[in-house]
Amino acid sequence: MSFKETDFTGLIGYLKGLLATQKDPMLFKAMVEKLVEIYDQLPVYPGLVNMCINQARKDVDVKDIKKGQTVYLTTKEGMIAGVVAKTGKKISLKNVMTATESKTIDVDVKKISKAEMINDKVVNELWPSLVFDKEQNK
């Protein structure tokens, strides 16, 4: 059985879809973590993992949010994730993470404790013989 004949391609398809549609970086990370968690529970059943992960994220009405739930909220100011501590006219969250989007930002170099980047040419550098011109594949 080749890789394409297995259900692993469904998981890759799920990740591609998540990349294309999920704008909230905190929810994106949580969904990938959930995918790994489900895979660890069902390692020989990637088809079941795919079925479960596609049902894991749920939209919820704000009035149905309950204490103790981890929620991902979108507001005019940005995205917020946290554990619900209290509900009512306002929702109190703990263990809060936020994400906002800006066109530009200036960061004081002295305040940077760590910098990382993604190497876009990693396949070229490690396996140049496996890099094909996309025009050749048409």
C-alpha atoms as a PDB file:
ATOM      1  CA  MET A   1       0.000   0.000   0.000  1.00  0.00           C
ATOM      2  CA  SER A   2       1.419   3.377  -0.972  1.00  0.00           C
ATOM      3  CA  PHE A   3       1.149   6.527   1.133  1.00  0.00           C
ATOM      4  CA  LYS A   4      -1.493   7.926  -1.252  1.00  0.00           C
ATOM      5  CA  GLU A   5      -3.629   4.827  -0.659  1.00  0.00           C
ATOM      6  CA  THR A   6      -3.690   5.366   3.103  1.00  0.00           C
ATOM      7  CA  ASP A   7      -5.918   7.704   5.079  1.00  0.00           C
ATOM      8  CA  PHE A   8      -2.912   9.877   5.964  1.00  0.00           C
ATOM      9  CA  THR A   9      -3.596  11.993   2.891  1.00  0.00           C
ATOM     10  CA  GLY A  10      -6.885  13.012   4.538  1.00  0.00           C
ATOM     11  CA  LEU A  11      -4.940  14.361   7.506  1.00  0.00           C
ATOM     12  CA  ILE A  12      -2.642  16.311   5.195  1.00  0.00           C
ATOM     13  CA  GLY A  13      -5.739  17.641   3.409  1.00  0.00           C
ATOM     14  CA  TYR A  14      -7.177  18.709   6.764  1.00  0.00           C
ATOM     15  CA  LEU A  15      -3.970  20.599   7.599  1.00  0.00           C
ATOM     16  CA  LYS A  16      -3.956  22.284   4.184  1.00  0.00           C
ATOM     17  CA  GLY A  17      -7.557  23.366   4.702  1.00  0.00           C
ATOM     18  CA  LEU A  18      -6.756  24.654   8.172  1.00  0.00           C
ATOM     19  CA  LEU A  19      -3.879  26.709   6.771  1.00  0.00           C
ATOM     20  CA  ALA A  20      -6.126  28.177   4.104  1.00  0.00           C
ATOM     21  CA  THR A  21      -9.080  29.066   6.323  1.00  0.00           C
ATOM     22  CA  GLN A  22      -8.074  29.513   9.971  1.00  0.00           C
ATOM     23  CA  LYS A  23      -7.006  33.093  10.671  1.00  0.00           C
ATOM     24  CA  ASP A  24      -6.799  32.763  14.468  1.00  0.00           C
ATOM     25  CA  PRO A  25      -3.245  31.568  15.238  1.00  0.00           C
ATOM     26  CA  MET A  26      -4.207  30.378  18.711  1.00  0.00           C
ATOM     27  CA  LEU A  27      -7.111  28.276  17.419  1.00  0.00           C
ATOM     28  CA  PHE A  28      -4.894  26.982  14.613  1.00  0.00           C
ATOM     29  CA  LYS A  29      -2.316  25.806  17.159  1.00  0.00           C
ATOM     30  CA  ALA A  30      -5.033  24.250  19.340  1.00  0.00           C
ATOM     31  CA  MET A  31      -6.458  22.351  16.357  1.00  0.00           C
ATOM     32  CA  VAL A  32      -3.034  20.950  15.412  1.00  0.00           C
ATOM     33  CA  GLU A  33      -2.497  19.946  19.060  1.00  0.00           C
ATOM     34  CA  LYS A  34      -5.920  18.238  19.063  1.00  0.00           C
ATOM     35  CA  LEU A  35      -5.034  16.428  15.827  1.00  0.00           C
ATOM     36  CA  VAL A  36      -1.843  15.089  17.421  1.00  0.00           C
ATOM     37  CA  GLU A  37      -3.725  14.146  20.608  1.00  0.00           C
ATOM     38  CA  ILE A  38      -6.352  12.200  18.650  1.00  0.00           C
ATOM     39  CA  TYR A  39      -3.651  10.574  16.508  1.00  0.00           C
ATOM     40  CA  ASP A  40      -1.844   9.470  19.687  1.00  0.00           C
ATOM     41  CA  GLN A  41      -5.103   7.827  20.826  1.00  0.00           C
ATOM     42  CA  LEU A  42      -5.804   6.161  17.452  1.00  0.00           C
ATOM     43  CA  PRO A  43      -2.412   5.801  15.697  1.00  0.00           C
ATOM     44  CA  VAL A  44      -3.397   2.950  13.394  1.00  0.00           C
ATOM     45  CA  TYR A  45      -6.665   4.587  12.315  1.00  0.00           C
ATOM     46  CA  PRO A  46      -5.848   7.841  10.479  1.00  0.00           C
ATOM     47  CA  GLY A  47      -9.294   7.760   8.829  1.00  0.00           C
ATOM     48  CA  LEU A  48     -10.955   7.879  12.260  1.00  0.00           C
ATOM     49  CA  VAL A  49      -8.546  10.621  13.329  1.00  0.00           C
ATOM     50  CA  ASN A  50      -9.599  12.617  10.260  1.00  0.00           C
ATOM     51  CA  MET A  51     -13.292  12.072  11.044  1.00  0.00           C
ATOM     52  CA  CYS A  52     -12.830  13.127  14.688  1.00  0.00           C
ATOM     53  CA  ILE A  53     -10.707  16.208  13.992  1.00  0.00           C
ATOM     54  CA  ASN A  54     -13.264  17.475  11.494  1.00  0.00           C
ATOM     55  CA  GLN A  55     -15.847  17.418  14.309  1.00  0.00           C
ATOM     56  CA  ALA A  56     -13.606  18.843  17.076  1.00  0.00           C
ATOM     57  CA  ARG A  57     -14.030  22.587  16.459  1.00  0.00           C
ATOM     58  CA  LYS A  58     -17.521  23.876  17.168  1.00  0.00           C
ATOM     59  CA  ASP A  59     -19.136  27.270  16.873  1.00  0.00           C
ATOM     60  CA  VAL A  60     -20.839  28.235  20.114  1.00  0.00           C
ATOM     61  CA  ASP A  61     -23.386  30.909  20.951  1.00  0.00           C
ATOM     62  CA  VAL A  62     -21.878  33.402  23.404  1.00  0.00           C
ATOM     63  CA  LYS A  63     -24.768  32.844  25.854  1.00  0.00           C
ATOM     64  CA  ASP A  64     -23.930  29.111  25.938  1.00  0.00           C
ATOM     65  CA  ILE A  65     -20.316  29.602  27.042  1.00  0.00           C
ATOM     66  CA  LYS A  66     -19.674  27.997  30.430  1.00  0.00           C
ATOM     67  CA  LYS A  67     -17.104  28.376  33.173  1.00  0.00           C
ATOM     68  CA  GLY A  68     -14.062  26.140  32.645  1.00  0.00           C
ATOM     69  CA  GLN A  69     -14.318  25.982  28.848  1.00  0.00           C
ATOM     70  CA  THR A  70     -11.393  27.064  26.704  1.00  0.00           C
ATOM     71  CA  VAL A  71     -12.755  29.518  24.157  1.00  0.00           C
ATOM     72  CA  TYR A  72     -11.436  31.363  21.119  1.00  0.00           C
ATOM     73  CA  LEU A  73     -13.119  34.718  20.588  1.00  0.00           C
ATOM     74  CA  THR A  74     -12.919  37.193  17.727  1.00  0.00           C
ATOM     75  CA  THR A  75     -13.582  40.858  18.459  1.00  0.00           C
ATOM     76  CA  LYS A  76     -13.086  44.106  16.546  1.00  0.00           C
ATOM     77  CA  GLU A  77      -9.756  44.503  18.346  1.00  0.00           C
ATOM     78  CA  GLY A  78      -8.399  41.050  17.537  1.00  0.00           C
ATOM     79  CA  MET A  79      -8.485  37.437  18.678  1.00  0.00           C
ATOM     80  CA  ILE A  80      -8.582  36.266  22.284  1.00  0.00           C
ATOM     81  CA  ALA A  81      -8.155  32.785  23.750  1.00  0.00           C
ATOM     82  CA  GLY A  82      -8.556  31.769  27.348  1.00  0.00           C
ATOM     83  CA  VAL A  83     -10.294  29.658  29.954  1.00  0.00           C
ATOM     84  CA  VAL A  84     -13.671  31.005  31.050  1.00  0.00           C
ATOM     85  CA  ALA A  85     -13.517  32.092  34.694  1.00  0.00           C
ATOM     86  CA  LYS A  86     -16.891  33.851  34.877  1.00  0.00           C
ATOM     87  CA  THR A  87     -19.850  34.528  32.589  1.00  0.00           C
ATOM     88  CA  GLY A  88     -22.567  37.162  32.583  1.00  0.00           C
ATOM     89  CA  LYS A  89     -22.751  40.515  30.801  1.00  0.00           C
ATOM     90  CA  LYS A  90     -19.003  40.150  30.432  1.00  0.00           C
ATOM     91  CA  ILE A  91     -16.936  36.997  30.090  1.00  0.00           C
ATOM     92  CA  SER A  92     -13.894  36.833  32.355  1.00  0.00           C
ATOM     93  CA  LEU A  93     -11.013  34.757  31.032  1.00  0.00           C
ATOM     94  CA  LYS A  94      -7.853  33.437  32.652  1.00  0.00           C
ATOM     95  CA  ASN A  95      -4.697  32.119  30.989  1.00  0.00           C
ATOM     96  CA  VAL A  96      -5.365  34.641  28.237  1.00  0.00           C
ATOM     97  CA  MET A  97      -3.553  34.892  24.925  1.00  0.00           C
ATOM     98  CA  THR A  98      -4.300  37.586  22.364  1.00  0.00           C
ATOM     99  CA  ALA A  99      -3.448  38.123  18.725  1.00  0.00           C
ATOM    100  CA  THR A 100      -3.787  41.331  16.761  1.00  0.00           C
ATOM    101  CA  GLU A 101      -2.803  42.126  13.219  1.00  0.00           C
ATOM    102  CA  SER A 102      -0.884  45.254  12.223  1.00  0.00           C
ATOM    103  CA  LYS A 103       0.518  46.373   8.883  1.00  0.00           C
ATOM    104  CA  THR A 104       3.821  47.387  10.482  1.00  0.00           C
ATOM    105  CA  ILE A 105       5.419  47.429  13.900  1.00  0.00           C
ATOM    106  CA  ASP A 106       8.755  48.637  15.262  1.00  0.00           C
ATOM    107  CA  VAL A 107      10.438  46.379  17.814  1.00  0.00           C
ATOM    108  CA  ASP A 108      13.261  47.602  20.025  1.00  0.00           C
ATOM    109  CA  VAL A 109      16.159  45.208  19.362  1.00  0.00           C
ATOM    110  CA  LYS A 110      17.108  45.318  23.053  1.00  0.00           C
ATOM    111  CA  LYS A 111      13.728  43.806  23.966  1.00  0.00           C
ATOM    112  CA  ILE A 112      14.105  40.763  21.700  1.00  0.00           C
ATOM    113  CA  SER A 113      15.052  37.704  23.745  1.00  0.00           C
ATOM    114  CA  LYS A 114      14.810  35.208  20.880  1.00  0.00           C
ATOM    115  CA  ALA A 115      14.353  35.395  17.112  1.00  0.00           C
ATOM    116  CA  GLU A 116      13.423  32.489  14.837  1.00  0.00           C
ATOM    117  CA  MET A 117      12.526  32.118  11.184  1.00  0.00           C
ATOM    118  CA  ILE A 118      11.386  29.498   8.688  1.00  0.00           C
ATOM    119  CA  ASN A 119      13.903  28.389   6.061  1.00  0.00           C
ATOM    120  CA  ASP A 120      11.902  28.507   2.818  1.00  0.00           C
ATOM    121  CA  LYS A 121      14.660  26.653   0.945  1.00  0.00           C
ATOM    122  CA  VAL A 122      15.075  23.675   3.286  1.00  0.00           C
ATOM    123  CA  VAL A 123      14.127  21.083   0.642  1.00  0.00           C
ATOM    124  CA  ASN A 124      16.519  22.716  -1.861  1.00  0.00           C
ATOM    125  CA  GLU A 125      19.333  22.592   0.673  1.00  0.00           C
ATOM    126  CA  LEU A 126      18.776  19.057   1.984  1.00  0.00           C
ATOM    127  CA  TRP A 127      17.370  17.258  -1.094  1.00  0.00           C
ATOM    128  CA  PRO A 128      18.092  19.320  -4.221  1.00  0.00           C
ATOM    129  CA  SER A 129      17.515  16.289  -6.438  1.00  0.00           C
ATOM    130  CA  LEU A 130      13.871  16.216  -5.276  1.00  0.00           C
ATOM    131  CA  VAL A 131      13.112  19.817  -6.264  1.00  0.00           C
ATOM    132  CA  PHE A 132      11.301  19.971  -9.574  1.00  0.00           C
ATOM    133  CA  ASP A 133      10.279  22.984 -11.601  1.00  0.00           C
ATOM    134  CA  LYS A 134       6.498  23.342 -11.325  1.00  0.00           C
ATOM    135  CA  GLU A 135       6.324  24.081 -15.043  1.00  0.00           C
ATOM    136  CA  GLN A 136       7.816  20.640 -15.777  1.00  0.00           C
ATOM    137  CA  ASN A 137       4.937  18.909 -13.992  1.00  0.00           C
ATOM    138  CA  LYS A 138       2.259  20.351 -16.313  1.00  0.00           C
END
